[in-house]
């Protein structure tokens, strides 16, 4: 398990195995930090991940979650997965996620993403899984604002929510939002 603060002074962080932010734990990633993942590894969030590439709301130093390979390619690492137990306090702001299989997966969870770039992933920039048919207890409701989903092999945003869309579930419980985002140059669909 990981928690605490990852700061610029100790960057880059090299991840050699799968890591998890446990429930009731918090990992804060500071501006300018690079996190490089070995092949087949990823970060699972069951607690809170707070990755803000903005210092005091004015100075932008993007955070980078990327491949640890010297010559990176799409699908080098697993990506970031927010699981059902994830606190709704998770946020990524001014963050780049690249060269993963799935940039970010929201699995029955509702993190917020602001000014993020999800690029060159071998499947989707973001994958949303939640709403299982008629169920109102499994809801994925992430917010994406001012984000870019570009050059992903499959979809910019993949919806795997049991036939309903995460932004408009018929139960009225879905809280997903998509504001002022660019979804372009993806291999299959922009938003599935």
N, C-alpha and C. Protein backbone atom coordinates (compact mmCIF):
# COMPACT_ATOMS: atom_id res chain seq x y z
N UNK A 1 0.83 -1.21 0.00
CA UNK A 1 0.00 0.00 0.00
C UNK A 1 0.87 1.26 0.00
N UNK A 2 0.34 2.30 -0.62
CA UNK A 2 1.04 3.59 -0.64
C UNK A 2 0.14 4.66 -0.04
N UNK A 3 0.76 5.65 0.57
CA UNK A 3 0.05 6.81 1.10
C UNK A 3 1.09 7.89 1.35
N UNK A 4 0.64 9.03 1.82
CA UNK A 4 1.57 10.11 2.12
C UNK A 4 1.66 11.11 0.99
N UNK A 5 2.85 11.72 0.84
CA UNK A 5 3.06 12.77 -0.14
C UNK A 5 4.23 12.40 -1.05
N UNK A 6 4.00 12.48 -2.35
CA UNK A 6 5.08 12.33 -3.33
C UNK A 6 5.37 13.72 -3.87
N UNK A 7 6.59 14.20 -3.65
CA UNK A 7 6.91 15.57 -4.03
C UNK A 7 7.95 15.62 -5.16
N UNK A 8 8.09 16.82 -5.71
CA UNK A 8 8.97 17.05 -6.84
C UNK A 8 10.43 16.73 -6.51
N UNK A 9 10.85 17.00 -5.30
CA UNK A 9 12.24 16.80 -4.90
C UNK A 9 12.67 15.34 -5.01
N UNK A 10 11.74 14.40 -4.87
CA UNK A 10 12.08 12.98 -4.92
C UNK A 10 11.67 12.33 -6.25
N UNK A 11 11.23 13.14 -7.17
CA UNK A 11 10.78 12.65 -8.48
C UNK A 11 12.00 12.36 -9.37
N UNK A 12 11.94 11.38 -10.26
CA UNK A 12 10.78 10.56 -10.60
C UNK A 12 10.62 9.38 -9.63
N UNK A 13 9.38 8.93 -9.50
CA UNK A 13 9.05 7.75 -8.72
C UNK A 13 8.96 6.58 -9.69
N UNK A 14 9.70 5.51 -9.41
CA UNK A 14 9.73 4.34 -10.28
C UNK A 14 8.93 3.22 -9.63
N UNK A 15 7.85 2.83 -10.27
CA UNK A 15 6.95 1.81 -9.73
C UNK A 15 7.33 0.47 -10.36
N UNK A 16 7.76 -0.48 -9.53
CA UNK A 16 8.23 -1.78 -10.02
C UNK A 16 7.20 -2.90 -9.87
N UNK A 17 6.13 -2.65 -9.11
CA UNK A 17 5.07 -3.64 -8.90
C UNK A 17 3.75 -2.91 -8.72
N UNK A 18 2.65 -3.64 -8.77
CA UNK A 18 1.34 -3.00 -8.59
C UNK A 18 1.27 -2.35 -7.21
N UNK A 19 0.68 -1.15 -7.17
CA UNK A 19 0.55 -0.44 -5.90
C UNK A 19 -0.91 -0.03 -5.70
N UNK A 20 -1.30 0.11 -4.43
CA UNK A 20 -2.68 0.43 -4.08
C UNK A 20 -2.71 1.52 -3.01
N UNK A 21 -3.62 2.48 -3.21
CA UNK A 21 -3.96 3.42 -2.15
C UNK A 21 -5.16 2.78 -1.46
N UNK A 22 -4.93 2.24 -0.26
CA UNK A 22 -5.97 1.51 0.46
C UNK A 22 -7.11 2.43 0.90
N UNK A 23 -8.27 1.81 1.16
CA UNK A 23 -9.40 2.55 1.72
C UNK A 23 -8.93 3.24 3.00
N UNK A 24 -9.43 4.41 3.26
CA UNK A 24 -9.07 5.24 4.42
C UNK A 24 -7.64 5.75 4.36
N UNK A 25 -6.98 5.66 3.19
CA UNK A 25 -5.64 6.22 3.01
C UNK A 25 -5.70 7.29 1.94
N UNK A 26 -4.68 8.15 1.92
CA UNK A 26 -4.60 9.24 0.95
C UNK A 26 -3.18 9.31 0.41
N UNK A 27 -3.08 9.45 -0.92
CA UNK A 27 -1.80 9.71 -1.57
C UNK A 27 -1.91 11.05 -2.27
N UNK A 28 -1.01 11.97 -1.90
CA UNK A 28 -0.97 13.28 -2.55
C UNK A 28 0.27 13.32 -3.44
N UNK A 29 0.05 13.66 -4.72
CA UNK A 29 1.14 13.77 -5.68
C UNK A 29 1.26 15.25 -6.04
N UNK A 30 2.43 15.82 -5.81
CA UNK A 30 2.62 17.25 -5.98
C UNK A 30 2.95 17.68 -7.39
N UNK A 31 2.91 18.99 -7.64
CA UNK A 31 3.20 19.55 -8.96
C UNK A 31 4.57 19.12 -9.48
N UNK A 32 4.63 18.81 -10.79
CA UNK A 32 5.88 18.47 -11.44
C UNK A 32 6.39 17.06 -11.22
N UNK A 33 5.67 16.25 -10.47
CA UNK A 33 6.12 14.89 -10.18
C UNK A 33 5.93 13.99 -11.40
N UNK A 34 6.90 13.11 -11.66
CA UNK A 34 6.79 12.07 -12.67
C UNK A 34 6.71 10.73 -11.96
N UNK A 35 5.72 9.92 -12.37
CA UNK A 35 5.59 8.56 -11.84
C UNK A 35 5.72 7.64 -13.04
N UNK A 36 6.75 6.79 -13.04
CA UNK A 36 7.05 5.90 -14.16
C UNK A 36 6.79 4.46 -13.74
N UNK A 37 5.99 3.77 -14.55
CA UNK A 37 5.56 2.41 -14.23
C UNK A 37 6.29 1.37 -15.07
N UNK A 38 6.75 0.30 -14.42
CA UNK A 38 7.35 -0.83 -15.11
C UNK A 38 6.24 -1.56 -15.89
N UNK A 39 6.60 -2.32 -16.91
CA UNK A 39 5.59 -3.05 -17.69
C UNK A 39 4.69 -3.92 -16.81
N UNK A 40 3.40 -3.88 -17.10
CA UNK A 40 2.44 -4.72 -16.39
C UNK A 40 2.06 -4.24 -15.01
N UNK A 41 2.47 -3.05 -14.63
CA UNK A 41 2.13 -2.53 -13.30
C UNK A 41 1.15 -1.38 -13.41
N UNK A 42 0.52 -1.05 -12.29
CA UNK A 42 -0.43 0.05 -12.28
C UNK A 42 -0.72 0.51 -10.87
N UNK A 43 -1.61 1.48 -10.77
CA UNK A 43 -2.01 2.06 -9.48
C UNK A 43 -3.51 1.88 -9.30
N UNK A 44 -3.90 1.21 -8.23
CA UNK A 44 -5.29 1.02 -7.87
C UNK A 44 -5.62 1.94 -6.71
N UNK A 45 -6.74 2.63 -6.82
CA UNK A 45 -7.14 3.58 -5.78
C UNK A 45 -8.43 3.10 -5.13
N UNK A 46 -8.35 2.81 -3.84
CA UNK A 46 -9.53 2.46 -3.04
C UNK A 46 -9.79 3.53 -1.99
N UNK A 47 -8.82 4.39 -1.78
CA UNK A 47 -8.93 5.51 -0.84
C UNK A 47 -9.02 6.81 -1.62
N UNK A 48 -8.06 7.72 -1.40
CA UNK A 48 -8.05 9.03 -2.07
C UNK A 48 -6.73 9.23 -2.78
N UNK A 49 -6.80 9.58 -4.06
CA UNK A 49 -5.63 10.02 -4.82
C UNK A 49 -5.86 11.48 -5.15
N UNK A 50 -4.94 12.32 -4.69
CA UNK A 50 -5.01 13.75 -4.97
C UNK A 50 -3.74 14.12 -5.72
N UNK A 51 -3.87 14.31 -7.04
CA UNK A 51 -2.73 14.64 -7.89
C UNK A 51 -3.01 16.00 -8.52
N UNK A 52 -2.38 17.02 -7.99
CA UNK A 52 -2.63 18.39 -8.46
C UNK A 52 -1.33 18.99 -9.01
N UNK A 53 -1.34 19.21 -10.32
CA UNK A 53 -0.19 19.82 -10.97
C UNK A 53 -0.25 21.33 -10.96
N UNK A 54 -0.97 21.87 -10.00
CA UNK A 54 -1.12 23.32 -9.85
C UNK A 54 -0.68 23.68 -8.44
N UNK A 55 0.19 24.68 -8.35
CA UNK A 55 0.69 25.11 -7.05
C UNK A 55 0.05 26.45 -6.70
N UNK A 56 -0.69 26.49 -5.63
CA UNK A 56 -1.36 27.70 -5.16
C UNK A 56 -2.34 28.27 -6.19
N UNK A 57 -2.83 27.42 -7.08
CA UNK A 57 -3.83 27.84 -8.04
C UNK A 57 -3.32 28.67 -9.20
N UNK A 58 -2.01 28.94 -9.26
CA UNK A 58 -1.51 29.80 -10.34
C UNK A 58 -0.38 29.16 -11.15
N UNK A 59 0.60 28.58 -10.51
CA UNK A 59 1.73 27.99 -11.21
C UNK A 59 1.41 26.55 -11.61
N UNK A 60 1.49 26.28 -12.92
CA UNK A 60 1.17 24.94 -13.42
C UNK A 60 2.46 24.18 -13.69
N UNK A 61 2.59 23.02 -13.07
CA UNK A 61 3.68 22.08 -13.31
C UNK A 61 3.03 20.71 -13.39
N UNK A 62 2.61 20.29 -14.60
CA UNK A 62 1.82 19.06 -14.74
C UNK A 62 2.50 17.84 -14.11
N UNK A 63 1.66 16.97 -13.60
CA UNK A 63 2.09 15.67 -13.09
C UNK A 63 2.05 14.70 -14.26
N UNK A 64 2.99 13.77 -14.31
CA UNK A 64 3.06 12.81 -15.40
C UNK A 64 3.03 11.39 -14.87
N UNK A 65 2.01 10.61 -15.26
CA UNK A 65 1.95 9.17 -15.02
C UNK A 65 2.26 8.53 -16.36
N UNK A 66 3.37 7.77 -16.45
CA UNK A 66 3.83 7.30 -17.76
C UNK A 66 4.55 5.96 -17.67
N UNK A 67 4.99 5.50 -18.80
CA UNK A 67 5.76 4.27 -18.90
C UNK A 67 7.16 4.49 -18.33
N UNK A 68 7.70 3.43 -17.76
CA UNK A 68 9.07 3.46 -17.28
C UNK A 68 10.07 3.05 -18.34
N UNK A 69 9.59 2.65 -19.52
CA UNK A 69 10.48 2.23 -20.60
C UNK A 69 11.22 3.42 -21.20
N UNK A 70 12.45 3.19 -21.62
CA UNK A 70 13.24 4.24 -22.24
C UNK A 70 12.60 4.73 -23.54
N UNK A 71 12.04 3.79 -24.30
CA UNK A 71 11.30 4.14 -25.52
C UNK A 71 9.87 3.67 -25.30
N UNK A 72 9.00 4.54 -24.78
CA UNK A 72 7.64 4.12 -24.41
C UNK A 72 6.75 3.85 -25.61
N UNK A 73 5.81 2.91 -25.42
CA UNK A 73 4.79 2.62 -26.42
C UNK A 73 3.45 2.42 -25.71
N UNK A 74 2.37 2.53 -26.45
CA UNK A 74 1.04 2.33 -25.89
C UNK A 74 0.94 0.96 -25.24
N UNK A 75 0.36 0.92 -24.08
CA UNK A 75 0.12 -0.35 -23.38
C UNK A 75 1.29 -0.84 -22.55
N UNK A 76 2.28 0.01 -22.29
CA UNK A 76 3.43 -0.41 -21.48
C UNK A 76 3.06 -0.73 -20.04
N UNK A 77 2.06 -0.04 -19.50
CA UNK A 77 1.67 -0.26 -18.10
C UNK A 77 0.15 -0.30 -18.03
N UNK A 78 -0.42 -0.68 -16.88
CA UNK A 78 -1.86 -0.92 -16.76
C UNK A 78 -2.70 0.36 -16.75
N UNK A 79 -2.29 1.37 -16.00
CA UNK A 79 -3.07 2.59 -15.86
C UNK A 79 -3.49 2.82 -14.42
N UNK A 80 -4.37 3.82 -14.23
CA UNK A 80 -4.89 4.17 -12.92
C UNK A 80 -6.31 3.63 -12.81
N UNK A 81 -6.60 2.89 -11.74
CA UNK A 81 -7.94 2.33 -11.57
C UNK A 81 -8.54 2.81 -10.25
N UNK A 82 -9.68 3.49 -10.37
CA UNK A 82 -10.43 3.94 -9.20
C UNK A 82 -11.53 2.92 -8.96
N UNK A 83 -11.49 2.24 -7.83
CA UNK A 83 -12.44 1.17 -7.54
C UNK A 83 -13.64 1.66 -6.77
N UNK A 84 -14.61 0.79 -6.66
CA UNK A 84 -15.90 1.12 -6.05
C UNK A 84 -15.79 1.78 -4.68
N UNK A 85 -14.88 1.35 -3.87
CA UNK A 85 -14.75 1.90 -2.52
C UNK A 85 -14.04 3.25 -2.50
N UNK A 86 -13.58 3.70 -3.67
CA UNK A 86 -12.83 4.96 -3.74
C UNK A 86 -13.65 6.12 -3.19
N UNK A 87 -13.00 6.93 -2.39
CA UNK A 87 -13.64 8.14 -1.88
C UNK A 87 -13.93 9.08 -3.04
N UNK A 88 -15.02 9.81 -2.94
CA UNK A 88 -15.34 10.81 -3.95
C UNK A 88 -14.44 12.03 -3.86
N UNK A 89 -13.47 12.01 -2.95
CA UNK A 89 -12.53 13.12 -2.81
C UNK A 89 -11.34 13.02 -3.76
N UNK A 90 -11.24 11.94 -4.53
CA UNK A 90 -10.11 11.79 -5.45
C UNK A 90 -10.21 12.81 -6.57
N UNK A 91 -9.04 13.42 -6.89
CA UNK A 91 -9.01 14.43 -7.95
C UNK A 91 -7.65 14.40 -8.65
N UNK A 92 -7.69 14.55 -9.96
CA UNK A 92 -6.49 14.78 -10.76
C UNK A 92 -6.68 16.12 -11.44
N UNK A 93 -5.70 17.00 -11.30
CA UNK A 93 -5.76 18.33 -11.89
C UNK A 93 -4.42 18.60 -12.55
N UNK A 94 -4.44 19.00 -13.82
CA UNK A 94 -3.22 19.29 -14.57
C UNK A 94 -2.28 18.09 -14.54
N UNK A 95 -2.82 16.97 -14.99
CA UNK A 95 -2.11 15.69 -14.96
C UNK A 95 -2.16 15.05 -16.34
N UNK A 96 -1.06 14.41 -16.73
CA UNK A 96 -0.98 13.69 -17.99
C UNK A 96 -0.86 12.20 -17.68
N UNK A 97 -1.70 11.39 -18.35
CA UNK A 97 -1.64 9.94 -18.23
C UNK A 97 -1.39 9.41 -19.63
N UNK A 98 -0.27 8.70 -19.83
CA UNK A 98 0.09 8.26 -21.18
C UNK A 98 0.71 6.87 -21.19
N UNK A 99 0.61 6.22 -22.37
CA UNK A 99 1.23 4.93 -22.66
C UNK A 99 0.72 3.77 -21.81
N UNK A 100 -0.46 3.92 -21.23
CA UNK A 100 -1.06 2.83 -20.44
C UNK A 100 -1.93 1.96 -21.34
N UNK A 101 -2.43 0.86 -20.80
CA UNK A 101 -3.45 0.08 -21.51
C UNK A 101 -4.75 0.87 -21.44
N UNK A 102 -5.20 1.17 -20.23
CA UNK A 102 -6.36 2.04 -19.98
C UNK A 102 -5.85 3.21 -19.16
N UNK A 103 -5.91 4.41 -19.69
CA UNK A 103 -5.38 5.57 -18.96
C UNK A 103 -5.93 5.64 -17.55
N UNK A 104 -7.25 5.71 -17.46
CA UNK A 104 -7.90 5.74 -16.16
C UNK A 104 -9.19 4.93 -16.26
N UNK A 105 -9.45 4.12 -15.24
CA UNK A 105 -10.68 3.34 -15.15
C UNK A 105 -11.45 3.81 -13.92
N UNK A 106 -12.71 4.16 -14.12
CA UNK A 106 -13.59 4.54 -13.01
C UNK A 106 -14.58 3.40 -12.85
N UNK A 107 -14.32 2.55 -11.89
CA UNK A 107 -15.10 1.33 -11.67
C UNK A 107 -16.05 1.58 -10.50
N UNK A 108 -17.28 2.00 -10.83
CA UNK A 108 -18.26 2.35 -9.79
C UNK A 108 -17.72 3.43 -8.87
N UNK A 109 -17.04 4.41 -9.43
CA UNK A 109 -16.43 5.46 -8.62
C UNK A 109 -16.62 6.81 -9.31
N UNK A 110 -16.38 7.88 -8.58
CA UNK A 110 -16.68 9.23 -9.08
C UNK A 110 -15.57 10.24 -8.80
N UNK A 111 -14.35 9.96 -9.27
CA UNK A 111 -13.29 10.97 -9.09
C UNK A 111 -13.52 12.15 -10.04
N UNK A 112 -12.81 13.25 -9.78
CA UNK A 112 -12.89 14.44 -10.62
C UNK A 112 -11.56 14.64 -11.35
N UNK A 113 -11.66 15.06 -12.63
CA UNK A 113 -10.50 15.28 -13.48
C UNK A 113 -10.61 16.66 -14.10
N UNK A 114 -9.59 17.50 -13.88
CA UNK A 114 -9.57 18.86 -14.43
C UNK A 114 -8.26 19.07 -15.18
N UNK A 115 -8.34 19.61 -16.38
CA UNK A 115 -7.15 19.99 -17.16
C UNK A 115 -6.19 18.81 -17.33
N UNK A 116 -6.73 17.62 -17.59
CA UNK A 116 -5.91 16.41 -17.74
C UNK A 116 -5.81 16.02 -19.21
N UNK A 117 -4.75 15.30 -19.53
CA UNK A 117 -4.56 14.74 -20.86
C UNK A 117 -4.41 13.23 -20.72
N UNK A 118 -5.23 12.49 -21.48
CA UNK A 118 -5.16 11.04 -21.53
C UNK A 118 -4.79 10.68 -22.96
N UNK A 119 -3.56 10.20 -23.18
CA UNK A 119 -3.09 10.02 -24.55
C UNK A 119 -2.29 8.74 -24.75
N UNK A 120 -2.33 8.29 -25.99
CA UNK A 120 -1.53 7.17 -26.47
C UNK A 120 -1.66 5.92 -25.61
N UNK A 121 -2.90 5.61 -25.22
CA UNK A 121 -3.17 4.37 -24.49
C UNK A 121 -3.56 3.29 -25.50
N UNK A 122 -3.25 2.04 -25.20
CA UNK A 122 -3.50 0.97 -26.17
C UNK A 122 -4.98 0.59 -26.25
N UNK A 123 -5.78 0.96 -25.26
CA UNK A 123 -7.23 0.78 -25.35
C UNK A 123 -7.88 2.15 -25.24
N UNK A 124 -8.45 2.51 -24.10
CA UNK A 124 -9.18 3.77 -23.95
C UNK A 124 -8.39 4.77 -23.10
N UNK A 125 -8.59 6.06 -23.38
CA UNK A 125 -8.03 7.09 -22.51
C UNK A 125 -8.67 7.02 -21.14
N UNK A 126 -10.00 6.83 -21.13
CA UNK A 126 -10.76 6.64 -19.88
C UNK A 126 -11.80 5.55 -20.13
N UNK A 127 -12.00 4.70 -19.16
CA UNK A 127 -13.04 3.68 -19.25
C UNK A 127 -13.92 3.80 -18.02
N UNK A 128 -15.23 3.89 -18.27
CA UNK A 128 -16.21 4.07 -17.20
C UNK A 128 -17.01 2.79 -17.06
N UNK A 129 -16.99 2.20 -15.87
CA UNK A 129 -17.78 1.00 -15.59
C UNK A 129 -18.60 1.28 -14.34
N UNK A 130 -19.89 0.99 -14.43
CA UNK A 130 -20.75 1.24 -13.28
C UNK A 130 -22.11 0.70 -13.55
N UNK A 131 -23.09 1.53 -13.50
CA UNK A 131 -24.50 1.24 -13.72
C UNK A 131 -24.73 -0.10 -14.39
N UNK A 132 -25.09 -1.10 -13.62
CA UNK A 132 -25.32 -2.45 -14.15
C UNK A 132 -26.80 -2.64 -14.45
N UNK A 133 -27.19 -2.26 -15.65
CA UNK A 133 -28.59 -2.43 -16.06
C UNK A 133 -29.53 -1.64 -15.19
N UNK A 134 -30.38 -2.32 -14.45
CA UNK A 134 -31.40 -1.69 -13.63
C UNK A 134 -30.89 -1.21 -12.29
N UNK A 135 -29.69 -1.64 -11.90
CA UNK A 135 -29.18 -1.35 -10.57
C UNK A 135 -28.96 0.15 -10.36
N UNK A 136 -29.35 0.64 -9.22
CA UNK A 136 -29.06 2.04 -8.87
C UNK A 136 -28.00 2.11 -7.79
N UNK A 137 -27.44 0.97 -7.39
CA UNK A 137 -26.44 0.97 -6.34
C UNK A 137 -25.02 0.97 -6.90
N UNK A 138 -24.85 0.70 -8.18
CA UNK A 138 -23.53 0.69 -8.79
C UNK A 138 -23.46 1.85 -9.77
N UNK A 139 -23.01 2.97 -9.31
CA UNK A 139 -23.02 4.18 -10.14
C UNK A 139 -21.59 4.72 -10.29
N UNK A 140 -21.19 4.93 -11.54
CA UNK A 140 -19.94 5.62 -11.82
C UNK A 140 -20.31 7.03 -12.27
N UNK A 141 -19.79 8.03 -11.60
CA UNK A 141 -20.14 9.40 -11.93
C UNK A 141 -18.95 10.34 -11.95
N UNK A 142 -17.91 10.02 -12.73
CA UNK A 142 -16.75 10.92 -12.76
C UNK A 142 -17.07 12.24 -13.46
N UNK A 143 -16.31 13.26 -13.13
CA UNK A 143 -16.40 14.56 -13.81
C UNK A 143 -15.10 14.78 -14.57
N UNK A 144 -15.24 15.14 -15.85
CA UNK A 144 -14.10 15.51 -16.68
C UNK A 144 -14.33 16.94 -17.14
N UNK A 145 -13.43 17.85 -16.80
CA UNK A 145 -13.57 19.24 -17.23
C UNK A 145 -12.25 19.74 -17.81
N UNK A 146 -12.34 20.32 -19.02
CA UNK A 146 -11.17 20.87 -19.71
C UNK A 146 -10.09 19.80 -19.90
N UNK A 147 -10.50 18.59 -20.24
CA UNK A 147 -9.57 17.48 -20.45
C UNK A 147 -9.43 17.16 -21.93
N UNK A 148 -8.37 16.43 -22.27
CA UNK A 148 -8.14 15.97 -23.64
C UNK A 148 -7.97 14.46 -23.65
N UNK A 149 -8.63 13.81 -24.60
CA UNK A 149 -8.53 12.37 -24.82
C UNK A 149 -8.07 12.21 -26.26
N UNK A 150 -6.79 11.99 -26.48
CA UNK A 150 -6.25 12.01 -27.84
C UNK A 150 -5.31 10.84 -28.12
N UNK A 151 -5.36 10.39 -29.38
CA UNK A 151 -4.45 9.38 -29.91
C UNK A 151 -4.47 8.08 -29.12
N UNK A 152 -5.63 7.67 -28.63
CA UNK A 152 -5.77 6.37 -27.97
C UNK A 152 -6.17 5.35 -29.03
N UNK A 153 -5.69 4.13 -28.90
CA UNK A 153 -5.90 3.13 -29.95
C UNK A 153 -7.37 2.79 -30.14
N UNK A 154 -8.15 2.70 -29.07
CA UNK A 154 -9.57 2.38 -29.20
C UNK A 154 -10.40 3.65 -29.02
N UNK A 155 -10.99 3.85 -27.86
CA UNK A 155 -11.89 4.98 -27.63
C UNK A 155 -11.24 6.07 -26.78
N UNK A 156 -11.67 7.31 -27.00
CA UNK A 156 -11.26 8.37 -26.10
C UNK A 156 -11.82 8.09 -24.72
N UNK A 157 -13.15 7.86 -24.66
CA UNK A 157 -13.84 7.48 -23.43
C UNK A 157 -14.69 6.27 -23.73
N UNK A 158 -14.44 5.16 -23.06
CA UNK A 158 -15.21 3.93 -23.26
C UNK A 158 -16.24 3.78 -22.15
N UNK A 159 -17.48 3.52 -22.56
CA UNK A 159 -18.57 3.35 -21.60
C UNK A 159 -18.91 1.87 -21.48
N UNK A 160 -18.67 1.29 -20.34
CA UNK A 160 -19.02 -0.10 -20.08
C UNK A 160 -19.93 -0.12 -18.86
N UNK A 161 -21.09 0.49 -19.02
CA UNK A 161 -22.00 0.70 -17.89
C UNK A 161 -23.32 -0.04 -18.05
N UNK A 162 -23.26 -1.25 -18.51
CA UNK A 162 -24.45 -2.08 -18.56
C UNK A 162 -25.57 -1.54 -19.43
N UNK A 163 -25.26 -0.91 -20.53
CA UNK A 163 -26.29 -0.43 -21.45
C UNK A 163 -26.72 1.01 -21.20
N UNK A 164 -26.41 1.56 -20.07
CA UNK A 164 -26.73 2.95 -19.78
C UNK A 164 -25.46 3.78 -19.90
N UNK A 165 -25.61 5.06 -20.10
CA UNK A 165 -24.45 5.94 -20.15
C UNK A 165 -24.19 6.53 -18.77
N UNK A 166 -22.94 6.64 -18.41
CA UNK A 166 -22.58 7.14 -17.09
C UNK A 166 -23.01 8.58 -16.90
N UNK A 167 -23.24 9.31 -17.96
CA UNK A 167 -23.64 10.72 -17.81
C UNK A 167 -25.15 10.89 -17.83
N UNK A 168 -25.93 9.81 -18.11
CA UNK A 168 -27.39 9.98 -18.16
C UNK A 168 -28.12 8.68 -17.86
N UNK A 169 -27.91 8.12 -16.70
CA UNK A 169 -28.59 6.88 -16.35
C UNK A 169 -30.07 7.15 -16.09
N UNK A 170 -30.92 6.23 -16.52
CA UNK A 170 -32.37 6.43 -16.41
C UNK A 170 -32.86 6.52 -14.98
N UNK A 171 -32.08 6.02 -14.04
CA UNK A 171 -32.50 6.10 -12.63
C UNK A 171 -32.37 7.53 -12.10
N UNK A 172 -31.62 8.35 -12.83
CA UNK A 172 -31.38 9.71 -12.35
C UNK A 172 -30.27 9.80 -11.33
N UNK A 173 -29.60 8.67 -11.05
CA UNK A 173 -28.55 8.66 -10.02
C UNK A 173 -27.17 8.97 -10.55
N UNK A 174 -26.97 8.84 -11.85
CA UNK A 174 -25.63 9.07 -12.39
C UNK A 174 -25.27 10.54 -12.27
N UNK A 175 -24.06 10.81 -11.82
CA UNK A 175 -23.64 12.18 -11.67
C UNK A 175 -22.48 12.54 -12.56
N UNK A 176 -22.19 11.71 -13.55
CA UNK A 176 -21.06 11.96 -14.43
C UNK A 176 -21.25 13.22 -15.26
N UNK A 177 -20.15 13.96 -15.44
CA UNK A 177 -20.22 15.20 -16.22
C UNK A 177 -19.01 15.30 -17.13
N UNK A 178 -19.24 15.91 -18.28
CA UNK A 178 -18.20 16.12 -19.27
C UNK A 178 -18.33 17.55 -19.76
N UNK A 179 -17.36 18.40 -19.41
CA UNK A 179 -17.41 19.82 -19.77
C UNK A 179 -16.18 20.24 -20.55
N UNK A 180 -16.39 20.90 -21.68
CA UNK A 180 -15.33 21.57 -22.41
C UNK A 180 -14.11 20.68 -22.65
N UNK A 181 -14.35 19.44 -23.07
CA UNK A 181 -13.27 18.49 -23.31
C UNK A 181 -13.02 18.31 -24.80
N UNK A 182 -11.81 17.93 -25.16
CA UNK A 182 -11.45 17.60 -26.54
C UNK A 182 -11.27 16.09 -26.61
N UNK A 183 -12.00 15.46 -27.52
CA UNK A 183 -11.89 14.02 -27.75
C UNK A 183 -11.60 13.86 -29.24
N UNK A 184 -10.35 13.54 -29.60
CA UNK A 184 -9.96 13.57 -31.01
C UNK A 184 -8.84 12.57 -31.32
N UNK A 185 -8.83 12.15 -32.58
CA UNK A 185 -7.76 11.31 -33.13
C UNK A 185 -7.62 9.98 -32.39
N UNK A 186 -8.73 9.43 -31.92
CA UNK A 186 -8.73 8.12 -31.31
C UNK A 186 -9.05 7.09 -32.39
N UNK A 187 -8.59 5.85 -32.20
CA UNK A 187 -8.67 4.85 -33.26
C UNK A 187 -10.07 4.38 -33.60
N UNK A 188 -10.99 4.34 -32.65
CA UNK A 188 -12.32 3.81 -32.91
C UNK A 188 -13.36 4.89 -32.71
N UNK A 189 -13.83 5.08 -31.51
CA UNK A 189 -14.85 6.08 -31.22
C UNK A 189 -14.27 7.16 -30.31
N UNK A 190 -14.85 8.34 -30.43
CA UNK A 190 -14.48 9.40 -29.49
C UNK A 190 -15.02 9.05 -28.12
N UNK A 191 -16.35 8.88 -28.06
CA UNK A 191 -17.03 8.46 -26.83
C UNK A 191 -17.91 7.30 -27.19
N UNK A 192 -17.71 6.17 -26.53
CA UNK A 192 -18.49 4.97 -26.85
C UNK A 192 -19.63 4.84 -25.86
